[in-house]
PDB file of N, CA and C in Angstrom:
ATOM      1  N   MET A   1     -11.317  -3.667 -15.864  1.00  0.00           N
ATOM      2  CA  MET A   1     -10.051  -4.366 -15.847  1.00  0.00           C
ATOM      3  C   MET A   1      -9.083  -3.178 -16.070  1.00  0.00           C
ATOM      4  N   PRO A   2      -8.066  -2.878 -15.121  1.00  0.00           N
ATOM      5  CA  PRO A   2      -7.095  -1.933 -15.488  1.00  0.00           C
ATOM      6  C   PRO A   2      -6.213  -2.073 -16.741  1.00  0.00           C
ATOM      7  N   THR A   3      -6.019  -0.902 -17.312  1.00  0.00           N
ATOM      8  CA  THR A   3      -4.995  -0.753 -18.444  1.00  0.00           C
ATOM      9  C   THR A   3      -3.602  -1.062 -18.165  1.00  0.00           C
ATOM     10  N   LYS A   4      -3.153  -2.001 -18.923  1.00  0.00           N
ATOM     11  CA  LYS A   4      -1.579  -2.354 -18.949  1.00  0.00           C
ATOM     12  C   LYS A   4      -0.777  -1.554 -19.617  1.00  0.00           C
ATOM     13  N   ILE A   5       0.391  -1.094 -19.268  1.00  0.00           N
ATOM     14  CA  ILE A   5       1.288  -0.499 -20.239  1.00  0.00           C
ATOM     15  C   ILE A   5       2.632  -0.885 -19.645  1.00  0.00           C
ATOM     16  N   SER A   6       3.582  -0.945 -20.804  1.00  0.00           N
ATOM     17  CA  SER A   6       4.869  -1.242 -20.421  1.00  0.00           C
ATOM     18  C   SER A   6       5.715   0.024 -19.906  1.00  0.00           C
ATOM     19  N   THR A   7       6.623  -0.337 -19.190  1.00  0.00           N
ATOM     20  CA  THR A   7       7.432   0.854 -18.486  1.00  0.00           C
ATOM     21  C   THR A   7       8.042   1.728 -19.751  1.00  0.00           C
ATOM     22  N   ALA A   8       8.527   1.021 -20.720  1.00  0.00           N
ATOM     23  CA  ALA A   8       8.910   1.947 -21.839  1.00  0.00           C
ATOM     24  C   ALA A   8       7.926   2.957 -22.438  1.00  0.00           C
ATOM     25  N   ASP A   9       6.747   2.406 -22.577  1.00  0.00           N
ATOM     26  CA  ASP A   9       5.792   3.407 -23.151  1.00  0.00           C
ATOM     27  C   ASP A   9       5.226   4.264 -22.050  1.00  0.00           C
ATOM     28  N   ALA A  10       5.283   4.084 -20.720  1.00  0.00           N
ATOM     29  CA  ALA A  10       5.101   4.887 -19.895  1.00  0.00           C
ATOM     30  C   ALA A  10       6.057   5.936 -19.623  1.00  0.00           C
ATOM     31  N   ARG A  11       7.308   5.729 -19.946  1.00  0.00           N
ATOM     32  CA  ARG A  11       8.455   6.859 -19.761  1.00  0.00           C
ATOM     33  C   ARG A  11       8.051   7.845 -21.199  1.00  0.00           C
ATOM     34  N   LYS A  12       7.597   7.248 -22.166  1.00  0.00           N
ATOM     35  CA  LYS A  12       7.143   8.190 -23.389  1.00  0.00           C
ATOM     36  C   LYS A  12       6.056   9.054 -23.173  1.00  0.00           C
ATOM     37  N   ASN A  13       5.173   8.566 -22.471  1.00  0.00           N
ATOM     38  CA  ASN A  13       3.862   9.154 -22.097  1.00  0.00           C
ATOM     39  C   ASN A  13       3.384   9.412 -20.718  1.00  0.00           C
ATOM     40  N   LEU A  14       4.443   9.711 -20.030  1.00  0.00           N
ATOM     41  CA  LEU A  14       4.170   9.938 -18.475  1.00  0.00           C
ATOM     42  C   LEU A  14       3.155  11.044 -18.384  1.00  0.00           C
ATOM     43  N   SER A  15       3.092  12.105 -18.825  1.00  0.00           N
ATOM     44  CA  SER A  15       2.098  13.090 -18.530  1.00  0.00           C
ATOM     45  C   SER A  15       0.651  12.577 -18.953  1.00  0.00           C
ATOM     46  N   ASN A  16       0.484  11.952 -19.937  1.00  0.00           N
ATOM     47  CA  ASN A  16      -0.859  11.497 -20.337  1.00  0.00           C
ATOM     48  C   ASN A  16      -1.334  10.596 -19.425  1.00  0.00           C
ATOM     49  N   ILE A  17      -0.215   9.616 -19.043  1.00  0.00           N
ATOM     50  CA  ILE A  17      -0.800   8.469 -18.054  1.00  0.00           C
ATOM     51  C   ILE A  17      -1.088   9.024 -16.755  1.00  0.00           C
ATOM     52  N   VAL A  18      -0.280  10.176 -16.224  1.00  0.00           N
ATOM     53  CA  VAL A  18      -0.615  10.680 -14.863  1.00  0.00           C
ATOM     54  C   VAL A  18      -2.134  11.308 -14.991  1.00  0.00           C
ATOM     55  N   ASN A  19      -2.436  12.055 -16.080  1.00  0.00           N
ATOM     56  CA  ASN A  19      -3.625  12.724 -16.037  1.00  0.00           C
ATOM     57  C   ASN A  19      -4.864  11.696 -16.230  1.00  0.00           C
ATOM     58  N   ARG A  20      -4.654  10.286 -16.915  1.00  0.00           N
ATOM     59  CA  ARG A  20      -5.522   9.268 -17.011  1.00  0.00           C
ATOM     60  C   ARG A  20      -5.797   8.874 -15.417  1.00  0.00           C
ATOM     61  N   VAL A  21      -4.779   8.703 -14.659  1.00  0.00           N
ATOM     62  CA  VAL A  21      -4.895   8.172 -13.389  1.00  0.00           C
ATOM     63  C   VAL A  21      -5.365   9.054 -12.505  1.00  0.00           C
ATOM     64  N   SER A  22      -5.031  10.328 -12.572  1.00  0.00           N
ATOM     65  CA  SER A  22      -5.423  11.460 -11.728  1.00  0.00           C
ATOM     66  C   SER A  22      -6.986  11.952 -11.971  1.00  0.00           C
ATOM     67  N   PHE A  23      -7.138  12.337 -13.223  1.00  0.00           N
ATOM     68  CA  PHE A  23      -8.235  12.847 -13.563  1.00  0.00           C
ATOM     69  C   PHE A  23      -9.334  11.987 -13.946  1.00  0.00           C
ATOM     70  N   GLY A  24      -8.889  10.729 -14.817  1.00  0.00           N
ATOM     71  CA  GLY A  24      -9.875  10.011 -15.261  1.00  0.00           C
ATOM     72  C   GLY A  24     -10.166   8.687 -14.293  1.00  0.00           C
ATOM     73  N   LYS A  25      -9.443   8.966 -13.119  1.00  0.00           N
ATOM     74  CA  LYS A  25      -9.708   7.715 -12.200  1.00  0.00           C
ATOM     75  C   LYS A  25      -9.271   6.445 -12.571  1.00  0.00           C
ATOM     76  N   GLU A  26      -8.521   6.377 -13.607  1.00  0.00           N
ATOM     77  CA  GLU A  26      -8.181   5.070 -14.197  1.00  0.00           C
ATOM     78  C   GLU A  26      -6.827   4.342 -13.634  1.00  0.00           C
ATOM     79  N   PRO A  27      -6.998   3.236 -12.919  1.00  0.00           N
ATOM     80  CA  PRO A  27      -5.912   2.520 -12.478  1.00  0.00           C
ATOM     81  C   PRO A  27      -4.984   2.129 -13.711  1.00  0.00           C
ATOM     82  N   ILE A  28      -3.658   2.207 -13.650  1.00  0.00           N
ATOM     83  CA  ILE A  28      -2.720   1.667 -14.669  1.00  0.00           C
ATOM     84  C   ILE A  28      -1.863   0.719 -13.885  1.00  0.00           C
ATOM     85  N   ILE A  29      -1.657  -0.559 -14.726  1.00  0.00           N
ATOM     86  CA  ILE A  29      -0.767  -1.480 -14.301  1.00  0.00           C
ATOM     87  C   ILE A  29       0.539  -1.254 -15.213  1.00  0.00           C
ATOM     88  N   LEU A  30       1.785  -1.113 -14.831  1.00  0.00           N
ATOM     89  CA  LEU A  30       2.887  -1.147 -15.314  1.00  0.00           C
ATOM     90  C   LEU A  30       3.376  -2.615 -15.462  1.00  0.00           C
ATOM     91  N   THR A  31       4.034  -2.759 -16.761  1.00  0.00           N
ATOM     92  CA  THR A  31       4.534  -3.940 -16.905  1.00  0.00           C
ATOM     93  C   THR A  31       6.240  -3.787 -17.455  1.00  0.00           C
ATOM     94  N   ARG A  32       6.812  -5.015 -17.359  1.00  0.00           N
ATOM     95  CA  ARG A  32       8.104  -5.045 -17.754  1.00  0.00           C
ATOM     96  C   ARG A  32       8.375  -6.368 -18.347  1.00  0.00           C
ATOM     97  N   ARG A  33       8.513  -6.444 -19.542  1.00  0.00           N
ATOM     98  CA  ARG A  33       8.727  -7.828 -20.374  1.00  0.00           C
ATOM     99  C   ARG A  33       7.653  -8.608 -19.972  1.00  0.00           C
ATOM    100  N   GLY A  34       6.614  -8.106 -19.972  1.00  0.00           N
ATOM    101  CA  GLY A  34       5.037  -8.673 -19.937  1.00  0.00           C
ATOM    102  C   GLY A  34       4.895  -9.076 -18.417  1.00  0.00           C
ATOM    103  N   GLU A  35       5.584  -8.794 -17.667  1.00  0.00           N
ATOM    104  CA  GLU A  35       5.175  -9.145 -16.062  1.00  0.00           C
ATOM    105  C   GLU A  35       4.705  -7.713 -15.504  1.00  0.00           C
ATOM    106  N   GLU A  36       3.591  -7.982 -14.692  1.00  0.00           N
ATOM    107  CA  GLU A  36       3.104  -6.701 -13.883  1.00  0.00           C
ATOM    108  C   GLU A  36       4.256  -6.577 -12.803  1.00  0.00           C
ATOM    109  N   ILE A  37       4.442  -5.276 -12.802  1.00  0.00           N
ATOM    110  CA  ILE A  37       5.572  -4.840 -11.748  1.00  0.00           C
ATOM    111  C   ILE A  37       5.135  -3.789 -10.730  1.00  0.00           C
ATOM    112  N   ALA A  38       3.932  -2.907 -11.112  1.00  0.00           N
ATOM    113  CA  ALA A  38       3.588  -1.915 -10.312  1.00  0.00           C
ATOM    114  C   ALA A  38       2.386  -1.545 -10.613  1.00  0.00           C
ATOM    115  N   ALA A  39       1.676  -0.444  -9.862  1.00  0.00           N
ATOM    116  CA  ALA A  39       0.366   0.154 -10.306  1.00  0.00           C
ATOM    117  C   ALA A  39       0.275   1.423  -9.903  1.00  0.00           C
ATOM    118  N   LEU A  40      -0.292   2.285 -10.744  1.00  0.00           N
ATOM    119  CA  LEU A  40      -0.524   3.729 -10.714  1.00  0.00           C
ATOM    120  C   LEU A  40      -1.993   3.864 -10.292  1.00  0.00           C
ATOM    121  N   ILE A  41      -2.295   4.411  -9.063  1.00  0.00           N
ATOM    122  CA  ILE A  41      -3.755   4.603  -8.769  1.00  0.00           C
ATOM    123  C   ILE A  41      -3.740   6.182  -8.187  1.00  0.00           C
ATOM    124  N   GLY A  42      -4.944   6.616  -8.191  1.00  0.00           N
ATOM    125  CA  GLY A  42      -5.225   8.148  -7.887  1.00  0.00           C
ATOM    126  C   GLY A  42      -5.097   8.219  -6.387  1.00  0.00           C
ATOM    127  N   MET A  43      -4.949   9.508  -5.920  1.00  0.00           N
ATOM    128  CA  MET A  43      -4.736   9.707  -4.350  1.00  0.00           C
ATOM    129  C   MET A  43      -6.113   9.350  -3.654  1.00  0.00           C
ATOM    130  N   ASP A  44      -7.387   9.223  -4.365  1.00  0.00           N
ATOM    131  CA  ASP A  44      -8.461   8.773  -3.290  1.00  0.00           C
ATOM    132  C   ASP A  44      -8.297   7.230  -3.232  1.00  0.00           C
ATOM    133  N   GLU A  45      -7.935   6.484  -4.337  1.00  0.00           N
ATOM    134  CA  GLU A  45      -7.763   5.125  -3.957  1.00  0.00           C
ATOM    135  C   GLU A  45      -6.717   4.829  -2.914  1.00  0.00           C
ATOM    136  N   LEU A  46      -5.497   5.604  -3.180  1.00  0.00           N
ATOM    137  CA  LEU A  46      -4.445   5.469  -2.109  1.00  0.00           C
ATOM    138  C   LEU A  46      -4.799   5.634  -0.720  1.00  0.00           C
ATOM    139  N   ARG A  47      -5.615   6.742  -0.511  1.00  0.00           N
ATOM    140  CA  ARG A  47      -6.182   6.926   0.671  1.00  0.00           C
ATOM    141  C   ARG A  47      -7.201   6.147   1.405  1.00  0.00           C
ATOM    142  N   LEU A  48      -7.777   5.374   0.520  1.00  0.00           N
ATOM    143  CA  LEU A  48      -8.881   4.333   0.993  1.00  0.00           C
ATOM    144  C   LEU A  48      -8.015   3.115   1.418  1.00  0.00           C
ATOM    145  N   LEU A  49      -7.063   2.636   0.462  1.00  0.00           N
ATOM    146  CA  LEU A  49      -6.213   1.701   0.918  1.00  0.00           C
ATOM    147  C   LEU A  49      -5.590   1.817   2.249  1.00  0.00           C
ATOM    148  N   GLN A  50      -5.054   2.974   2.522  1.00  0.00           N
ATOM    149  CA  GLN A  50      -4.426   3.275   3.685  1.00  0.00           C
ATOM    150  C   GLN A  50      -5.471   3.199   4.927  1.00  0.00           C
ATOM    151  N   GLU A  51      -6.692   3.738   4.670  1.00  0.00           N
ATOM    152  CA  GLU A  51      -7.635   3.685   5.735  1.00  0.00           C
ATOM    153  C   GLU A  51      -8.039   2.244   6.043  1.00  0.00           C
ATOM    154  N   ILE A  52      -8.260   1.450   4.998  1.00  0.00           N
ATOM    155  CA  ILE A  52      -8.515   0.051   5.223  1.00  0.00           C
ATOM    156  C   ILE A  52      -7.306  -0.600   6.055  1.00  0.00           C
ATOM    157  N   GLU A  53      -6.156  -0.365   5.529  1.00  0.00           N
ATOM    158  CA  GLU A  53      -4.838  -0.869   6.367  1.00  0.00           C
ATOM    159  C   GLU A  53      -4.753  -0.468   7.876  1.00  0.00           C
ATOM    160  N   ASP A  54      -5.118   0.762   7.987  1.00  0.00           N
ATOM    161  CA  ASP A  54      -5.160   1.306   9.368  1.00  0.00           C
ATOM    162  C   ASP A  54      -6.421   0.497  10.138  1.00  0.00           C
ATOM    163  N   ARG A  55      -7.445   0.326   9.610  1.00  0.00           N
ATOM    164  CA  ARG A  55      -8.480  -0.181  10.377  1.00  0.00           C
ATOM    165  C   ARG A  55      -8.052  -1.741  10.739  1.00  0.00           C
ATOM    166  N   ILE A  56      -7.460  -2.356   9.931  1.00  0.00           N
ATOM    167  CA  ILE A  56      -7.098  -3.904  10.064  1.00  0.00           C
ATOM    168  C   ILE A  56      -5.877  -3.878  11.183  1.00  0.00           C
ATOM    169  N   ASP A  57      -5.093  -2.701  11.381  1.00  0.00           N
ATOM    170  CA  ASP A  57      -4.071  -2.792  12.240  1.00  0.00           C
ATOM    171  C   ASP A  57      -4.678  -2.548  13.408  1.00  0.00           C
ATOM    172  N   ILE A  58      -5.575  -1.559  13.553  1.00  0.00           N
ATOM    173  CA  ILE A  58      -6.556  -1.362  14.856  1.00  0.00           C
ATOM    174  C   ILE A  58      -6.997  -2.766  15.459  1.00  0.00           C
ATOM    175  N   GLU A  59      -7.758  -3.394  14.502  1.00  0.00           N
ATOM    176  CA  GLU A  59      -8.573  -4.644  14.769  1.00  0.00           C
ATOM    177  C   GLU A  59      -7.600  -5.580  15.355  1.00  0.00           C
ATOM    178  N   ASP A  60      -6.385  -5.794  14.607  1.00  0.00           N
ATOM    179  CA  ASP A  60      -5.362  -6.725  15.121  1.00  0.00           C
ATOM    180  C   ASP A  60      -4.772  -6.273  16.554  1.00  0.00           C
ATOM    181  N   ALA A  61      -4.696  -5.164  16.703  1.00  0.00           N
ATOM    182  CA  ALA A  61      -4.178  -4.550  18.073  1.00  0.00           C
ATOM    183  C   ALA A  61      -5.176  -4.813  19.132  1.00  0.00           C
ATOM    184  N   LEU A  62      -6.475  -4.609  18.906  1.00  0.00           N
ATOM    185  CA  LEU A  62      -7.337  -4.739  19.771  1.00  0.00           C
ATOM    186  C   LEU A  62      -7.619  -6.387  20.071  1.00  0.00           C
ATOM    187  N   LYS A  63      -7.561  -7.266  19.294  1.00  0.00           N
ATOM    188  CA  LYS A  63      -7.271  -8.642  19.426  1.00  0.00           C
ATOM    189  C   LYS A  63      -6.155  -9.011  20.154  1.00  0.00           C
ATOM    190  N   ALA A  64      -5.167  -8.575  20.118  1.00  0.00           N
ATOM    191  CA  ALA A  64      -3.746  -8.948  20.753  1.00  0.00           C
ATOM    192  C   ALA A  64      -4.031  -8.483  22.420  1.00  0.00           C
ATOM    193  N   ILE A  65      -4.525  -7.307  22.508  1.00  0.00           N
ATOM    194  CA  ILE A  65      -4.731  -6.778  23.759  1.00  0.00           C
ATOM    195  C   ILE A  65      -5.715  -7.714  24.564  1.00  0.00           C
ATOM    196  N   LYS A  66      -6.653  -8.263  24.025  1.00  0.00           N
ATOM    197  CA  LYS A  66      -7.567  -9.145  24.456  1.00  0.00           C
ATOM    198  C   LYS A  66      -6.895 -10.582  24.756  1.00  0.00           C
ATOM    199  N   GLU A  67      -5.919 -10.721  24.122  1.00  0.00           N
ATOM    200  CA  GLU A  67      -5.231 -12.187  24.279  1.00  0.00           C
ATOM    201  C   GLU A  67      -4.541 -12.451  25.696  1.00  0.00           C
ATOM    202  N   PRO A  68      -4.782 -13.388  26.292  1.00  0.00           N
ATOM    203  CA  PRO A  68      -4.012 -13.541  27.459  1.00  0.00           C
ATOM    204  C   PRO A  68      -2.464 -13.762  27.292  1.00  0.00           C
ATOM    205  N   GLY A  69      -1.586 -13.386  28.124  1.00  0.00           N
ATOM    206  CA  GLY A  69      -0.134 -13.660  27.939  1.00  0.00           C
ATOM    207  C   GLY A  69       0.488 -13.139  29.025  1.00  0.00           C
ATOM    208  N   ASP A  70       1.962 -13.174  28.874  1.00  0.00           N
ATOM    209  CA  ASP A  70       2.775 -12.792  30.025  1.00  0.00           C
ATOM    210  C   ASP A  70       2.895 -11.275  29.692  1.00  0.00           C
ATOM    211  N   ASP A  71       2.551 -10.420  30.783  1.00  0.00           N
ATOM    212  CA  ASP A  71       2.863  -9.207  30.860  1.00  0.00           C
ATOM    213  C   ASP A  71       4.280  -8.735  31.105  1.00  0.00           C
ATOM    214  N   ILE A  72       5.031  -7.948  30.398  1.00  0.00           N
ATOM    215  CA  ILE A  72       6.382  -7.607  30.960  1.00  0.00           C
ATOM    216  C   ILE A  72       6.364  -6.027  30.739  1.00  0.00           C
ATOM    217  N   PRO A  73       7.208  -5.479  31.606  1.00  0.00           N
ATOM    218  CA  PRO A  73       7.586  -4.065  31.815  1.00  0.00           C
ATOM    219  C   PRO A  73       7.869  -3.662  30.479  1.00  0.00           C
ATOM    220  N   ALA A  74       7.711  -2.321  30.091  1.00  0.00           N
ATOM    221  CA  ALA A  74       8.265  -1.733  28.915  1.00  0.00           C
ATOM    222  C   ALA A  74       9.678  -1.740  28.825  1.00  0.00           C
ATOM    223  N   ASP A  75      10.486  -1.319  30.066  1.00  0.00           N
ATOM    224  CA  ASP A  75      11.884  -1.382  29.892  1.00  0.00           C
ATOM    225  C   ASP A  75      12.489  -2.773  29.463  1.00  0.00           C
ATOM    226  N   LYS A  76      11.781  -3.883  30.094  1.00  0.00           N
ATOM    227  CA  LYS A  76      12.279  -5.151  29.705  1.00  0.00           C
ATOM    228  C   LYS A  76      12.112  -5.453  28.172  1.00  0.00           C
ATOM    229  N   PHE A  77      11.047  -5.044  27.724  1.00  0.00           N
ATOM    230  CA  PHE A  77      10.631  -5.396  26.486  1.00  0.00           C
ATOM    231  C   PHE A  77      11.581  -4.539  25.406  1.00  0.00           C
ATOM    232  N   TRP A  78      11.855  -3.306  25.653  1.00  0.00           N
ATOM    233  CA  TRP A  78      12.830  -2.572  24.982  1.00  0.00           C
ATOM    234  C   TRP A  78      14.246  -3.298  25.004  1.00  0.00           C
ATOM    235  N   LYS A  79      14.619  -3.725  26.038  1.00  0.00           N
ATOM    236  CA  LYS A  79      15.918  -4.135  26.394  1.00  0.00           C
ATOM    237  C   LYS A  79      15.860  -5.598  25.462  1.00  0.00           C
ATOM    238  N   LYS A  80      14.783  -6.193  25.635  1.00  0.00           N
ATOM    239  CA  LYS A  80      14.924  -7.720  24.793  1.00  0.00           C
ATOM    240  C   LYS A  80      14.976  -7.491  23.304  1.00  0.00           C
ATOM    241  N   LEU A  81      14.574  -6.231  22.784  1.00  0.00           N
ATOM    242  CA  LEU A  81      14.634  -5.994  21.444  1.00  0.00           C
ATOM    243  C   LEU A  81      15.998  -5.054  21.137  1.00  0.00           C
ATOM    244  N   GLY A  82      16.632  -5.078  22.133  1.00  0.00           N
ATOM    245  CA  GLY A  82      17.974  -4.398  21.934  1.00  0.00           C
ATOM    246  C   GLY A  82      17.939  -2.842  21.692  1.00  0.00           C
ATOM    247  N   LEU A  83      16.858  -2.106  22.324  1.00  0.00           N
ATOM    248  CA  LEU A  83      16.806  -0.728  22.258  1.00  0.00           C
ATOM    249  C   LEU A  83      16.991  -0.132  23.680  1.00  0.00           C
TER     250      LEU A  83
END
């Protein structure tokens, strides 16, 4: 379970918290008035999340390519978007 730290405490101990996240591989959840508002994670975890997101985007794109639909030329598509 990730550690929860208030934003007020985080301001006082930022260096220590960054070290815990970076070197200790410990995710930290920041809270404000008891509500979870953000998370601090290490770069390895961020890269993994980005890779997962990229793979999901690729899967969605491949599904969209396979779907039947009305093909329109790129210039009409851009015009429709107002570009």
